[in-house]
Structure formats: C-alpha cells, structure tokens
Amino acid sequence: MNIGTGKPIKIRDIIKLINKKIGRGRPIYGAIKLRKDESKIYYPNVKSLKAIIKNFKFTSLNIGLNKTIKYYAKKR
C-alpha cells in the first residue's frame, strides 16, 4: 500500500532519481502544462493513519523506487 511519508517532494526530484536509477532516457520538463486549477504541491497527510496503525512498516522512497523499477523490468 503506497500512502507516502507526509513530507513533500518535488516531482522533478522524483523524475531525476528514477532517471538516475534506470540510467537512460531524457526527461522533458514542462512538456505538459498544468491545468489552471491544478496544484503543484501534493503530499499525503498521514498523521491520522499513524495513530490508527501502531506497528507501521515504512519503506523509504529510494527502496520503494528500486522495488518498482525491478518489478517493471521483470515484466518486459
């Protein structure tokens, strides 16, 4: 289950991290314009979830991306 950390991270930084991990491709930033009502900042508020789930197992973004990349590489 992906819920996030409750800490903001820029999409551009995630793209750079993925690009570095897969070692290919060239991101084109700004190719798709934001809609007028679209926010540039998204991140989950996980405070209430942490209160409900006491023994919550966290996976870092780095490890989560590694697992996701490995999964999709196998599907090729």
PDB file of N, CA and C in Angstrom:
ATOM      1  N   MET A   1       0.852  -1.164   0.000  1.00  0.00           N
ATOM      2  CA  MET A   1       0.000   0.000   0.000  1.00  0.00           C
ATOM      3  C   MET A   1       0.898   1.227   0.000  1.00  0.00           C
ATOM      4  N   ASN A   2       0.726   2.091  -0.964  1.00  0.00           N
ATOM      5  CA  ASN A   2       1.500   3.321  -1.035  1.00  0.00           C
ATOM      6  C   ASN A   2       0.687   4.460  -0.451  1.00  0.00           C
ATOM      7  N   ILE A   3       1.200   5.044   0.623  1.00  0.00           N
ATOM      8  CA  ILE A   3       0.486   6.174   1.205  1.00  0.00           C
ATOM      9  C   ILE A   3       1.352   7.417   1.306  1.00  0.00           C
ATOM     10  N   GLY A   4       2.636   7.287   1.235  1.00  0.00           N
ATOM     11  CA  GLY A   4       3.524   8.438   1.324  1.00  0.00           C
ATOM     12  C   GLY A   4       4.072   8.632   2.723  1.00  0.00           C
ATOM     13  N   THR A   5       4.881   9.659   2.859  1.00  0.00           N
ATOM     14  CA  THR A   5       5.543   9.931   4.133  1.00  0.00           C
ATOM     15  C   THR A   5       4.935  11.111   4.861  1.00  0.00           C
ATOM     16  N   GLY A   6       4.147  11.895   4.152  1.00  0.00           N
ATOM     17  CA  GLY A   6       3.633  13.116   4.739  1.00  0.00           C
ATOM     18  C   GLY A   6       4.587  14.279   4.553  1.00  0.00           C
ATOM     19  N   LYS A   7       5.675  14.051   3.824  1.00  0.00           N
ATOM     20  CA  LYS A   7       6.656  15.102   3.543  1.00  0.00           C
ATOM     21  C   LYS A   7       6.647  15.382   2.037  1.00  0.00           C
ATOM     22  N   PRO A   8       6.623  16.660   1.660  1.00  0.00           N
ATOM     23  CA  PRO A   8       6.596  16.981   0.230  1.00  0.00           C
ATOM     24  C   PRO A   8       7.920  16.685  -0.464  1.00  0.00           C
ATOM     25  N   ILE A   9       7.822  16.278  -1.723  1.00  0.00           N
ATOM     26  CA  ILE A   9       8.989  16.113  -2.589  1.00  0.00           C
ATOM     27  C   ILE A   9       8.570  16.559  -3.985  1.00  0.00           C
ATOM     28  N   LYS A  10       9.439  17.260  -4.653  1.00  0.00           N
ATOM     29  CA  LYS A  10       9.125  17.764  -5.987  1.00  0.00           C
ATOM     30  C   LYS A  10       9.102  16.610  -6.987  1.00  0.00           C
ATOM     31  N   ILE A  11       8.123  16.655  -7.891  1.00  0.00           N
ATOM     32  CA  ILE A  11       8.024  15.644  -8.945  1.00  0.00           C
ATOM     33  C   ILE A  11       9.313  15.619  -9.758  1.00  0.00           C
ATOM     34  N   ARG A  12       9.860  16.783 -10.014  1.00  0.00           N
ATOM     35  CA  ARG A  12      11.113  16.874 -10.768  1.00  0.00           C
ATOM     36  C   ARG A  12      12.228  16.077 -10.070  1.00  0.00           C
ATOM     37  N   ASP A  13      12.272  16.124  -8.735  1.00  0.00           N
ATOM     38  CA  ASP A  13      13.294  15.381  -7.986  1.00  0.00           C
ATOM     39  C   ASP A  13      13.061  13.874  -8.085  1.00  0.00           C
ATOM     40  N   ILE A  14      11.798  13.468  -8.097  1.00  0.00           N
ATOM     41  CA  ILE A  14      11.491  12.043  -8.255  1.00  0.00           C
ATOM     42  C   ILE A  14      11.884  11.585  -9.657  1.00  0.00           C
ATOM     43  N   ILE A  15      11.579  12.400 -10.664  1.00  0.00           N
ATOM     44  CA  ILE A  15      11.946  12.061 -12.044  1.00  0.00           C
ATOM     45  C   ILE A  15      13.461  11.917 -12.166  1.00  0.00           C
ATOM     46  N   LYS A  16      14.202  12.865 -11.570  1.00  0.00           N
ATOM     47  CA  LYS A  16      15.669  12.800 -11.618  1.00  0.00           C
ATOM     48  C   LYS A  16      16.180  11.523 -10.951  1.00  0.00           C
ATOM     49  N   LEU A  17      15.589  11.164  -9.821  1.00  0.00           N
ATOM     50  CA  LEU A  17      16.004   9.960  -9.096  1.00  0.00           C
ATOM     51  C   LEU A  17      15.732   8.706  -9.923  1.00  0.00           C
ATOM     52  N   ILE A  18      14.548   8.620 -10.514  1.00  0.00           N
ATOM     53  CA  ILE A  18      14.209   7.465 -11.358  1.00  0.00           C
ATOM     54  C   ILE A  18      15.147   7.401 -12.551  1.00  0.00           C
ATOM     55  N   ASN A  19      15.367   8.539 -13.195  1.00  0.00           N
ATOM     56  CA  ASN A  19      16.239   8.592 -14.359  1.00  0.00           C
ATOM     57  C   ASN A  19      17.648   8.119 -14.017  1.00  0.00           C
ATOM     58  N   LYS A  20      18.149   8.533 -12.859  1.00  0.00           N
ATOM     59  CA  LYS A  20      19.474   8.113 -12.417  1.00  0.00           C
ATOM     60  C   LYS A  20      19.510   6.601 -12.167  1.00  0.00           C
ATOM     61  N   LYS A  21      18.438   6.061 -11.588  1.00  0.00           N
ATOM     62  CA  LYS A  21      18.388   4.635 -11.270  1.00  0.00           C
ATOM     63  C   LYS A  21      18.323   3.766 -12.521  1.00  0.00           C
ATOM     64  N   ILE A  22      17.542   4.193 -13.515  1.00  0.00           N
ATOM     65  CA  ILE A  22      17.410   3.354 -14.717  1.00  0.00           C
ATOM     66  C   ILE A  22      18.520   3.617 -15.722  1.00  0.00           C
ATOM     67  N   GLY A  23      19.183   4.769 -15.587  1.00  0.00           N
ATOM     68  CA  GLY A  23      20.357   5.043 -16.399  1.00  0.00           C
ATOM     69  C   GLY A  23      20.082   5.293 -17.872  1.00  0.00           C
ATOM     70  N   ARG A  24      18.878   5.683 -18.210  1.00  0.00           N
ATOM     71  CA  ARG A  24      18.585   6.009 -19.609  1.00  0.00           C
ATOM     72  C   ARG A  24      17.368   6.917 -19.685  1.00  0.00           C
ATOM     73  N   GLY A  25      17.164   7.438 -20.871  1.00  0.00           N
ATOM     74  CA  GLY A  25      16.055   8.363 -21.070  1.00  0.00           C
ATOM     75  C   GLY A  25      16.482   9.788 -20.779  1.00  0.00           C
ATOM     76  N   ARG A  26      15.684  10.709 -21.259  1.00  0.00           N
ATOM     77  CA  ARG A  26      15.972  12.123 -21.037  1.00  0.00           C
ATOM     78  C   ARG A  26      14.659  12.842 -20.766  1.00  0.00           C
ATOM     79  N   PRO A  27      14.387  13.169 -19.522  1.00  0.00           N
ATOM     80  CA  PRO A  27      13.122  13.834 -19.181  1.00  0.00           C
ATOM     81  C   PRO A  27      12.980  15.187 -19.891  1.00  0.00           C
ATOM     82  N   ILE A  28      11.763  15.492 -20.289  1.00  0.00           N
ATOM     83  CA  ILE A  28      11.461  16.786 -20.890  1.00  0.00           C
ATOM     84  C   ILE A  28      10.518  17.491 -19.925  1.00  0.00           C
ATOM     85  N   TYR A  29      11.060  18.369 -19.116  1.00  0.00           N
ATOM     86  CA  TYR A  29      10.272  19.059 -18.104  1.00  0.00           C
ATOM     87  C   TYR A  29       9.419  20.143 -18.744  1.00  0.00           C
ATOM     88  N   GLY A  30       8.188  20.251 -18.281  1.00  0.00           N
ATOM     89  CA  GLY A  30       7.289  21.296 -18.759  1.00  0.00           C
ATOM     90  C   GLY A  30       6.599  20.979 -20.069  1.00  0.00           C
ATOM     91  N   ALA A  31       6.766  19.765 -20.596  1.00  0.00           N
ATOM     92  CA  ALA A  31       6.138  19.398 -21.864  1.00  0.00           C
ATOM     93  C   ALA A  31       4.618  19.375 -21.745  1.00  0.00           C
ATOM     94  N   ILE A  32       4.134  19.025 -20.578  1.00  0.00           N
ATOM     95  CA  ILE A  32       2.687  19.021 -20.324  1.00  0.00           C
ATOM     96  C   ILE A  32       2.405  20.129 -19.326  1.00  0.00           C
ATOM     97  N   LYS A  33       1.622  21.085 -19.732  1.00  0.00           N
ATOM     98  CA  LYS A  33       1.316  22.238 -18.873  1.00  0.00           C
ATOM     99  C   LYS A  33       0.286  21.863 -17.818  1.00  0.00           C
ATOM    100  N   LEU A  34       0.405  22.487 -16.650  1.00  0.00           N
ATOM    101  CA  LEU A  34      -0.574  22.289 -15.583  1.00  0.00           C
ATOM    102  C   LEU A  34      -1.901  22.933 -15.970  1.00  0.00           C
ATOM    103  N   ARG A  35      -2.993  22.298 -15.543  1.00  0.00           N
ATOM    104  CA  ARG A  35      -4.305  22.920 -15.724  1.00  0.00           C
ATOM    105  C   ARG A  35      -4.402  24.107 -14.781  1.00  0.00           C
ATOM    106  N   LYS A  36      -5.301  25.024 -15.053  1.00  0.00           N
ATOM    107  CA  LYS A  36      -5.443  26.225 -14.229  1.00  0.00           C
ATOM    108  C   LYS A  36      -5.734  25.896 -12.765  1.00  0.00           C
ATOM    109  N   ASP A  37      -6.528  24.853 -12.536  1.00  0.00           N
ATOM    110  CA  ASP A  37      -6.928  24.507 -11.170  1.00  0.00           C
ATOM    111  C   ASP A  37      -6.033  23.435 -10.536  1.00  0.00           C
ATOM    112  N   GLU A  38      -4.955  23.077 -11.200  1.00  0.00           N
ATOM    113  CA  GLU A  38      -4.079  22.012 -10.716  1.00  0.00           C
ATOM    114  C   GLU A  38      -3.003  22.570  -9.791  1.00  0.00           C
ATOM    115  N   SER A  39      -2.816  21.919  -8.655  1.00  0.00           N
ATOM    116  CA  SER A  39      -1.815  22.329  -7.685  1.00  0.00           C
ATOM    117  C   SER A  39      -0.455  21.745  -8.041  1.00  0.00           C
ATOM    118  N   LYS A  40       0.591  22.447  -7.700  1.00  0.00           N
ATOM    119  CA  LYS A  40       1.952  21.949  -7.910  1.00  0.00           C
ATOM    120  C   LYS A  40       2.446  21.166  -6.698  1.00  0.00           C
ATOM    121  N   ILE A  41       1.708  21.214  -5.610  1.00  0.00           N
ATOM    122  CA  ILE A  41       2.152  20.583  -4.372  1.00  0.00           C
ATOM    123  C   ILE A  41       1.168  19.488  -3.963  1.00  0.00           C
ATOM    124  N   TYR A  42       1.653  18.252  -3.909  1.00  0.00           N
ATOM    125  CA  TYR A  42       0.850  17.117  -3.481  1.00  0.00           C
ATOM    126  C   TYR A  42       1.653  16.275  -2.500  1.00  0.00           C
ATOM    127  N   TYR A  43       1.074  15.986  -1.387  1.00  0.00           N
ATOM    128  CA  TYR A  43       1.650  15.013  -0.470  1.00  0.00           C
ATOM    129  C   TYR A  43       0.577  14.639   0.533  1.00  0.00           C
ATOM    130  N   PRO A  44       0.581  13.383   0.987  1.00  0.00           N
ATOM    131  CA  PRO A  44      -0.468  12.911   1.886  1.00  0.00           C
ATOM    132  C   PRO A  44      -0.262  13.344   3.324  1.00  0.00           C
ATOM    133  N   ASN A  45      -1.351  13.504   4.025  1.00  0.00           N
ATOM    134  CA  ASN A  45      -1.315  13.739   5.464  1.00  0.00           C
ATOM    135  C   ASN A  45      -1.519  12.380   6.122  1.00  0.00           C
ATOM    136  N   VAL A  46      -0.482  11.855   6.738  1.00  0.00           N
ATOM    137  CA  VAL A  46      -0.535  10.502   7.288  1.00  0.00           C
ATOM    138  C   VAL A  46      -0.646  10.482   8.816  1.00  0.00           C
ATOM    139  N   LYS A  47      -0.898  11.613   9.428  1.00  0.00           N
ATOM    140  CA  LYS A  47      -0.978  11.679  10.887  1.00  0.00           C
ATOM    141  C   LYS A  47      -2.064  10.776  11.452  1.00  0.00           C
ATOM    142  N   SER A  48      -3.267  10.828  10.869  1.00  0.00           N
ATOM    143  CA  SER A  48      -4.361  10.008  11.394  1.00  0.00           C
ATOM    144  C   SER A  48      -4.102   8.522  11.164  1.00  0.00           C
ATOM    145  N   LEU A  49      -3.462   8.189  10.049  1.00  0.00           N
ATOM    146  CA  LEU A  49      -3.150   6.786   9.765  1.00  0.00           C
ATOM    147  C   LEU A  49      -2.126   6.253  10.766  1.00  0.00           C
ATOM    148  N   LYS A  50      -1.128   7.042  11.095  1.00  0.00           N
ATOM    149  CA  LYS A  50      -0.120   6.623  12.067  1.00  0.00           C
ATOM    150  C   LYS A  50      -0.747   6.369  13.431  1.00  0.00           C
ATOM    151  N   ALA A  51      -1.767   7.152  13.768  1.00  0.00           N
ATOM    152  CA  ALA A  51      -2.450   6.974  15.054  1.00  0.00           C
ATOM    153  C   ALA A  51      -3.251   5.669  15.074  1.00  0.00           C
ATOM    154  N   ILE A  52      -3.777   5.263  13.927  1.00  0.00           N
ATOM    155  CA  ILE A  52      -4.586   4.042  13.829  1.00  0.00           C
ATOM    156  C   ILE A  52      -3.704   2.795  13.747  1.00  0.00           C
ATOM    157  N   ILE A  53      -2.669   2.881  12.941  1.00  0.00           N
ATOM    158  CA  ILE A  53      -1.775   1.735  12.730  1.00  0.00           C
ATOM    159  C   ILE A  53      -0.508   1.956  13.548  1.00  0.00           C
ATOM    160  N   LYS A  54      -0.401   1.247  14.653  1.00  0.00           N
ATOM    161  CA  LYS A  54       0.729   1.452  15.567  1.00  0.00           C
ATOM    162  C   LYS A  54       2.041   0.864  15.045  1.00  0.00           C
ATOM    163  N   ASN A  55       2.000  -0.350  14.534  1.00  0.00           N
ATOM    164  CA  ASN A  55       3.208  -1.033  14.062  1.00  0.00           C
ATOM    165  C   ASN A  55       3.308  -0.908  12.551  1.00  0.00           C
ATOM    166  N   PHE A  56       3.506   0.309  12.106  1.00  0.00           N
ATOM    167  CA  PHE A  56       3.531   0.584  10.685  1.00  0.00           C
ATOM    168  C   PHE A  56       4.935   0.378  10.150  1.00  0.00           C
ATOM    169  N   LYS A  57       5.076  -0.387   9.050  1.00  0.00           N
ATOM    170  CA  LYS A  57       6.380  -0.640   8.444  1.00  0.00           C
ATOM    171  C   LYS A  57       6.588   0.350   7.295  1.00  0.00           C
ATOM    172  N   PHE A  58       7.612   1.170   7.416  1.00  0.00           N
ATOM    173  CA  PHE A  58       7.895   2.167   6.405  1.00  0.00           C
ATOM    174  C   PHE A  58       8.965   1.675   5.438  1.00  0.00           C
ATOM    175  N   THR A  59       8.800   2.025   4.178  1.00  0.00           N
ATOM    176  CA  THR A  59       9.803   1.782   3.149  1.00  0.00           C
ATOM    177  C   THR A  59      10.213   3.143   2.617  1.00  0.00           C
ATOM    178  N   SER A  60      11.488   3.378   2.516  1.00  0.00           N
ATOM    179  CA  SER A  60      11.952   4.674   2.013  1.00  0.00           C
ATOM    180  C   SER A  60      11.593   4.824   0.542  1.00  0.00           C
ATOM    181  N   LEU A  61      11.562   6.056   0.071  1.00  0.00           N
ATOM    182  CA  LEU A  61      11.294   6.319  -1.338  1.00  0.00           C
ATOM    183  C   LEU A  61      12.325   5.609  -2.203  1.00  0.00           C
ATOM    184  N   ASN A  62      13.572   5.654  -1.788  1.00  0.00           N
ATOM    185  CA  ASN A  62      14.653   5.028  -2.542  1.00  0.00           C
ATOM    186  C   ASN A  62      14.425   3.524  -2.701  1.00  0.00           C
ATOM    187  N   ILE A  63      14.110   2.849  -1.628  1.00  0.00           N
ATOM    188  CA  ILE A  63      13.874   1.399  -1.677  1.00  0.00           C
ATOM    189  C   ILE A  63      12.592   1.099  -2.462  1.00  0.00           C
ATOM    190  N   GLY A  64      11.566   1.903  -2.247  1.00  0.00           N
ATOM    191  CA  GLY A  64      10.311   1.713  -2.978  1.00  0.00           C
ATOM    192  C   GLY A  64      10.496   1.861  -4.477  1.00  0.00           C
ATOM    193  N   LEU A  65      11.273   2.850  -4.895  1.00  0.00           N
ATOM    194  CA  LEU A  65      11.549   3.017  -6.329  1.00  0.00           C
ATOM    195  C   LEU A  65      12.357   1.849  -6.874  1.00  0.00           C
ATOM    196  N   ASN A  66      13.333   1.379  -6.102  1.00  0.00           N
ATOM    197  CA  ASN A  66      14.120   0.215  -6.545  1.00  0.00           C
ATOM    198  C   ASN A  66      13.213  -0.986  -6.783  1.00  0.00           C
ATOM    199  N   LYS A  67      12.288  -1.245  -5.859  1.00  0.00           N
ATOM    200  CA  LYS A  67      11.368  -2.374  -5.988  1.00  0.00           C
ATOM    201  C   LYS A  67      10.449  -2.199  -7.195  1.00  0.00           C
ATOM    202  N   THR A  68       9.963  -0.978  -7.398  1.00  0.00           N
ATOM    203  CA  THR A  68       9.061  -0.706  -8.515  1.00  0.00           C
ATOM    204  C   THR A  68       9.777  -0.881  -9.846  1.00  0.00           C
ATOM    205  N   ILE A  69      10.987  -0.348  -9.959  1.00  0.00           N
ATOM    206  CA  ILE A  69      11.764  -0.480 -11.180  1.00  0.00           C
ATOM    207  C   ILE A  69      12.071  -1.948 -11.466  1.00  0.00           C
ATOM    208  N   LYS A  70      12.441  -2.690 -10.435  1.00  0.00           N
ATOM    209  CA  LYS A  70      12.740  -4.116 -10.595  1.00  0.00           C
ATOM    210  C   LYS A  70      11.496  -4.873 -11.068  1.00  0.00           C
ATOM    211  N   TYR A  71      10.338  -4.554 -10.509  1.00  0.00           N
ATOM    212  CA  TYR A  71       9.088  -5.201 -10.898  1.00  0.00           C
ATOM    213  C   TYR A  71       8.786  -4.978 -12.376  1.00  0.00           C
ATOM    214  N   TYR A  72       8.875  -3.727 -12.817  1.00  0.00           N
ATOM    215  CA  TYR A  72       8.554  -3.426 -14.211  1.00  0.00           C
ATOM    216  C   TYR A  72       9.628  -3.948 -15.171  1.00  0.00           C
ATOM    217  N   ALA A  73      10.860  -4.026 -14.727  1.00  0.00           N
ATOM    218  CA  ALA A  73      11.921  -4.592 -15.575  1.00  0.00           C
ATOM    219  C   ALA A  73      11.657  -6.077 -15.825  1.00  0.00           C
ATOM    220  N   LYS A  74      11.143  -6.782 -14.832  1.00  0.00           N
ATOM    221  CA  LYS A  74      10.816  -8.209 -14.992  1.00  0.00           C
ATOM    222  C   LYS A  74       9.660  -8.414 -15.956  1.00  0.00           C
ATOM    223  N   LYS A  75       8.716  -7.468 -15.995  1.00  0.00           N
ATOM    224  CA  LYS A  75       7.539  -7.594 -16.835  1.00  0.00           C
ATOM    225  C   LYS A  75       7.858  -7.381 -18.325  1.00  0.00           C
ATOM    226  N   ARG A  76       9.035  -6.832 -18.632  1.00  0.00           N
ATOM    227  CA  ARG A  76       9.423  -6.590 -20.025  1.00  0.00           C
ATOM    228  C   ARG A  76       9.663  -7.864 -20.690  1.00  0.00           C
TER     229      ARG A  76
END
